[in-house]
C-alpha atoms as a PDB file:
ATOM      1  CA  MET A   1       0.617   9.268  11.607  1.00  0.00           C
ATOM      2  CA  PRO A   2      -1.363   9.358   8.397  1.00  0.00           C
ATOM      3  CA  THR A   3      -5.064   8.647   8.518  1.00  0.00           C
ATOM      4  CA  HIS A   4      -7.599   8.493   5.736  1.00  0.00           C
ATOM      5  CA  GLN A   5     -11.382   8.399   5.887  1.00  0.00           C
ATOM      6  CA  GLU A   6     -13.596   8.123   2.847  1.00  0.00           C
ATOM      7  CA  THR A   7     -17.288   7.509   2.235  1.00  0.00           C
ATOM      8  CA  ARG A   8     -18.532   6.460  -1.187  1.00  0.00           C
ATOM      9  CA  THR A   9     -21.888   5.414  -2.569  1.00  0.00           C
ATOM     10  CA  VAL A  10     -21.708   2.579  -5.088  1.00  0.00           C
ATOM     11  CA  PRO A  11     -24.452   0.873  -7.139  1.00  0.00           C
ATOM     12  CA  TYR A  12     -24.076  -2.517  -5.436  1.00  0.00           C
ATOM     13  CA  THR A  13     -25.548  -4.055  -2.306  1.00  0.00           C
ATOM     14  CA  ALA A  14     -23.925  -3.824   1.097  1.00  0.00           C
ATOM     15  CA  ARG A  15     -23.559  -7.621   1.061  1.00  0.00           C
ATOM     16  CA  GLN A  16     -21.774  -7.594  -2.299  1.00  0.00           C
ATOM     17  CA  MET A  17     -19.307  -4.963  -1.114  1.00  0.00           C
ATOM     18  CA  TYR A  18     -18.819  -6.712   2.215  1.00  0.00           C
ATOM     19  CA  ASP A  19     -18.082 -10.011   0.417  1.00  0.00           C
ATOM     20  CA  LEU A  20     -15.604  -8.295  -1.896  1.00  0.00           C
ATOM     21  CA  VAL A  21     -13.621  -6.690   0.934  1.00  0.00           C
ATOM     22  CA  ALA A  22     -13.800  -9.838   3.091  1.00  0.00           C
ATOM     23  CA  ASP A  23     -12.213 -11.909   0.274  1.00  0.00           C
ATOM     24  CA  VAL A  24      -8.609 -11.106   1.210  1.00  0.00           C
ATOM     25  CA  ARG A  25      -7.271 -13.963  -0.936  1.00  0.00           C
ATOM     26  CA  GLY A  26      -8.508 -12.117  -4.025  1.00  0.00           C
ATOM     27  CA  TYR A  27      -6.642  -8.867  -3.298  1.00  0.00           C
ATOM     28  CA  PRO A  28      -3.596  -9.601  -5.510  1.00  0.00           C
ATOM     29  CA  ASP A  29      -5.948  -9.851  -8.510  1.00  0.00           C
ATOM     30  CA  PHE A  30      -6.932  -6.171  -8.375  1.00  0.00           C
ATOM     31  CA  LEU A  31      -5.473  -4.214  -5.457  1.00  0.00           C
ATOM     32  CA  PRO A  32      -2.562  -1.869  -6.260  1.00  0.00           C
ATOM     33  CA  TRP A  33       0.735  -2.865  -4.696  1.00  0.00           C
ATOM     34  CA  CYS A  34      -0.631  -6.134  -3.286  1.00  0.00           C
ATOM     35  CA  ALA A  35       1.772  -8.823  -4.469  1.00  0.00           C
ATOM     36  CA  ALA A  36       0.412 -11.733  -2.397  1.00  0.00           C
ATOM     37  CA  ALA A  37      -2.242 -12.588   0.183  1.00  0.00           C
ATOM     38  CA  ARG A  38      -2.704 -15.513   2.520  1.00  0.00           C
ATOM     39  CA  VAL A  39      -5.509 -16.239   4.959  1.00  0.00           C
ATOM     40  CA  GLY A  40      -5.394 -18.701   7.815  1.00  0.00           C
ATOM     41  CA  GLY A  41      -6.697 -19.338  11.273  1.00  0.00           C
ATOM     42  CA  ARG A  42     -10.407 -18.706  10.751  1.00  0.00           C
ATOM     43  CA  THR A  43     -12.380 -18.822  14.016  1.00  0.00           C
ATOM     44  CA  LEU A  44     -16.140 -18.416  14.337  1.00  0.00           C
ATOM     45  CA  ARG A  45     -17.004 -16.585  17.536  1.00  0.00           C
ATOM     46  CA  ASN A  46     -20.137 -16.674  19.706  1.00  0.00           C
ATOM     47  CA  ASN A  47     -20.895 -12.994  19.018  1.00  0.00           C
ATOM     48  CA  GLY A  48     -21.550 -13.690  15.319  1.00  0.00           C
ATOM     49  CA  SER A  49     -18.167 -12.490  14.125  1.00  0.00           C
ATOM     50  CA  GLU A  50     -15.363 -14.422  12.489  1.00  0.00           C
ATOM     51  CA  LEU A  51     -11.721 -13.882  13.393  1.00  0.00           C
ATOM     52  CA  VAL A  52      -9.257 -14.314  10.523  1.00  0.00           C
ATOM     53  CA  ARG A  53      -5.481 -14.094  10.361  1.00  0.00           C
ATOM     54  CA  ALA A  54      -4.435 -12.423   7.087  1.00  0.00           C
ATOM     55  CA  GLU A  55      -0.988 -11.863   5.662  1.00  0.00           C
ATOM     56  CA  LEU A  56      -0.321  -9.481   2.782  1.00  0.00           C
ATOM     57  CA  VAL A  57       2.820  -8.732   0.803  1.00  0.00           C
ATOM     58  CA  ILE A  58       2.917  -5.121  -0.360  1.00  0.00           C
ATOM     59  CA  SER A  59       5.352  -4.148  -3.106  1.00  0.00           C
ATOM     60  CA  PHE A  60       5.978  -0.495  -3.982  1.00  0.00           C
ATOM     61  CA  LYS A  61       8.998   0.552  -6.063  1.00  0.00           C
ATOM     62  CA  VAL A  62      12.062  -0.755  -4.169  1.00  0.00           C
ATOM     63  CA  PHE A  63      10.089  -1.636  -1.045  1.00  0.00           C
ATOM     64  CA  ARG A  64       8.574  -5.073  -0.480  1.00  0.00           C
ATOM     65  CA  GLU A  65       7.058  -5.741   2.927  1.00  0.00           C
ATOM     66  CA  ARG A  66       5.011  -8.522   4.477  1.00  0.00           C
ATOM     67  CA  PHE A  67       2.608  -7.840   7.297  1.00  0.00           C
ATOM     68  CA  GLY A  68       0.086  -9.796   9.289  1.00  0.00           C
ATOM     69  CA  SER A  69      -3.299  -8.604  10.462  1.00  0.00           C
ATOM     70  CA  ARG A  70      -6.094  -9.762  12.690  1.00  0.00           C
ATOM     71  CA  VAL A  71      -9.323  -9.296  10.737  1.00  0.00           C
ATOM     72  CA  VAL A  72     -12.709  -9.387  12.429  1.00  0.00           C
ATOM     73  CA  LEU A  73     -15.566 -10.019  10.020  1.00  0.00           C
ATOM     74  CA  TRP A  74     -19.033  -8.917  11.168  1.00  0.00           C
ATOM     75  CA  PRO A  75     -21.335 -10.214   8.400  1.00  0.00           C
ATOM     76  CA  ASP A  76     -24.600  -9.388  10.197  1.00  0.00           C
ATOM     77  CA  GLU A  77     -23.444  -5.829  10.863  1.00  0.00           C
ATOM     78  CA  GLY A  78     -21.785  -5.265   7.494  1.00  0.00           C
ATOM     79  CA  ARG A  79     -18.482  -4.326   9.089  1.00  0.00           C
ATOM     80  CA  ILE A  80     -14.843  -5.412   8.813  1.00  0.00           C
ATOM     81  CA  ASP A  81     -12.225  -4.351  11.392  1.00  0.00           C
ATOM     82  CA  THR A  82      -8.506  -4.932  10.870  1.00  0.00           C
ATOM     83  CA  GLU A  83      -5.679  -4.622  13.390  1.00  0.00           C
ATOM     84  CA  TYR A  84      -1.974  -4.953  12.754  1.00  0.00           C
ATOM     85  CA  VAL A  85      -0.190  -8.003  14.184  1.00  0.00           C
ATOM     86  CA  ASP A  86       3.347  -8.010  12.763  1.00  0.00           C
ATOM     87  CA  GLY A  87       5.472  -6.491  10.033  1.00  0.00           C
ATOM     88  CA  PRO A  88       6.725  -2.994   9.116  1.00  0.00           C
ATOM     89  CA  PHE A  89       4.186  -0.916  11.065  1.00  0.00           C
ATOM     90  CA  ARG A  90       4.329   0.640  14.511  1.00  0.00           C
ATOM     91  CA  HIS A  91       0.569   0.348  14.367  1.00  0.00           C
ATOM     92  CA  MET A  92      -2.166  -0.044  11.774  1.00  0.00           C
ATOM     93  CA  ARG A  93      -5.918  -0.373  11.900  1.00  0.00           C
ATOM     94  CA  SER A  94      -8.601  -0.068   9.312  1.00  0.00           C
ATOM     95  CA  ASN A  95     -12.363  -0.280   9.306  1.00  0.00           C
ATOM     96  CA  TRP A  96     -14.890  -0.871   6.559  1.00  0.00           C
ATOM     97  CA  ALA A  97     -18.642  -0.421   7.030  1.00  0.00           C
ATOM     98  CA  PHE A  98     -21.329  -1.129   4.453  1.00  0.00           C
ATOM     99  CA  SER A  99     -24.958  -0.028   4.556  1.00  0.00           C
ATOM    100  CA  ASP A 100     -27.666  -0.302   1.945  1.00  0.00           C
ATOM    101  CA  VAL A 101     -29.024   3.024   0.744  1.00  0.00           C
ATOM    102  CA  GLU A 102     -31.359   3.991  -2.054  1.00  0.00           C
ATOM    103  CA  ARG A 103     -29.785   2.877  -5.350  1.00  0.00           C
ATOM    104  CA  GLY A 104     -26.856   1.068  -3.794  1.00  0.00           C
ATOM    105  CA  CYS A 105     -24.589   0.931  -0.813  1.00  0.00           C
ATOM    106  CA  GLU A 106     -22.696   3.436   1.268  1.00  0.00           C
ATOM    107  CA  VAL A 107     -19.120   2.325   1.903  1.00  0.00           C
ATOM    108  CA  ASP A 108     -17.197   3.893   4.787  1.00  0.00           C
ATOM    109  CA  PHE A 109     -13.451   3.283   4.896  1.00  0.00           C
ATOM    110  CA  PHE A 110     -10.967   4.413   7.545  1.00  0.00           C
ATOM    111  CA  VAL A 111      -7.269   3.629   7.934  1.00  0.00           C
ATOM    112  CA  ASP A 112      -4.674   4.825  10.442  1.00  0.00           C
ATOM    113  CA  PHE A 113      -1.075   3.638  10.459  1.00  0.00           C
ATOM    114  CA  GLU A 114       2.548   4.472  11.091  1.00  0.00           C
ATOM    115  CA  MET A 115       5.568   2.660   9.675  1.00  0.00           C
ATOM    116  CA  LYS A 116       8.509   1.582  11.868  1.00  0.00           C
ATOM    117  CA  ASN A 117      11.056   2.624   9.225  1.00  0.00           C
ATOM    118  CA  PRO A 118      11.293   6.459   9.026  1.00  0.00           C
ATOM    119  CA  LEU A 119      12.495   6.301   5.409  1.00  0.00           C
ATOM    120  CA  LEU A 120       9.531   4.169   4.398  1.00  0.00           C
ATOM    121  CA  GLN A 121       7.171   6.379   6.450  1.00  0.00           C
ATOM    122  CA  GLY A 122       8.475   9.442   4.589  1.00  0.00           C
ATOM    123  CA  ALA A 123       7.966   7.761   1.219  1.00  0.00           C
ATOM    124  CA  VAL A 124       4.453   6.687   2.164  1.00  0.00           C
ATOM    125  CA  ARG A 125       3.504  10.110   3.514  1.00  0.00           C
ATOM    126  CA  VAL A 126       4.245  11.725   0.115  1.00  0.00           C
ATOM    127  CA  VAL A 127       1.776   9.487  -1.747  1.00  0.00           C
ATOM    128  CA  PHE A 128      -0.544   8.449   1.075  1.00  0.00           C
ATOM    129  CA  ASN A 129      -3.794  10.233   0.201  1.00  0.00           C
ATOM    130  CA  GLU A 130      -3.586   9.403  -3.487  1.00  0.00           C
ATOM    131  CA  ALA A 131      -2.682   5.808  -2.625  1.00  0.00           C
ATOM    132  CA  MET A 132      -5.728   5.426  -0.374  1.00  0.00           C
ATOM    133  CA  HIS A 133      -8.002   6.875  -3.069  1.00  0.00           C
ATOM    134  CA  ARG A 134      -6.517   4.373  -5.539  1.00  0.00           C
ATOM    135  CA  VAL A 135      -7.219   1.513  -3.127  1.00  0.00           C
ATOM    136  CA  VAL A 136     -10.865   2.510  -2.728  1.00  0.00           C
ATOM    137  CA  ARG A 137     -11.242   2.982  -6.503  1.00  0.00           C
ATOM    138  CA  ALA A 138      -9.706  -0.466  -7.036  1.00  0.00           C
ATOM    139  CA  PHE A 139     -12.454  -1.997  -4.898  1.00  0.00           C
ATOM    140  CA  GLU A 140     -15.059  -0.043  -6.880  1.00  0.00           C
ATOM    141  CA  ARG A 141     -13.640  -1.264 -10.206  1.00  0.00           C
ATOM    142  CA  ARG A 142     -13.514  -4.833  -8.936  1.00  0.00           C
ATOM    143  CA  ALA A 143     -17.144  -4.587  -7.810  1.00  0.00           C
ATOM    144  CA  ALA A 144     -18.084  -3.403 -11.317  1.00  0.00           C
ATOM    145  CA  GLU A 145     -16.276  -6.408 -12.829  1.00  0.00           C
ATOM    146  CA  LEU A 146     -18.012  -8.844 -10.489  1.00  0.00           C
ATOM    147  CA  TYR A 147     -21.471  -7.358 -10.008  1.00  0.00           C
ATOM    148  CA  ALA A 148     -22.337  -4.951 -12.849  1.00  0.00           C
ATOM    149  CA  ASP A 149     -24.579  -7.434 -14.677  1.00  0.00           C
ATOM    150  CA  ARG A 150     -26.320  -8.817 -11.574  1.00  0.00           C
END
């Protein structure tokens, strides 16, 4: 089961980075391999979080897969937790955490998943670490496009 954890410091606020990652609908505009995104079923909860149902279509070479996730947005805590609901994974979870630091924001990202299809799992395993670095860099580049002049 591949996992990836990465911490980066970026020159933007925790709120800006949180808003960027929470905007799942915008992922196809900048995220590698994300062909489509849909968000539905938003529910505000008493604990200050918001529960969102997200569906992404990931396209990589000959593979094209759709998967659904349960996303919990914690705006007051600067955290986003994602759990797999349906699609090509045996399991998947990811976590983002954002905290303001001197001269910017510290972004913590963690993902852990396993594909149901052994062939697809083998293909993913070969490029996994580089793919996760590309995903994080894509968020950094998008933040620069959106927030560099603010």
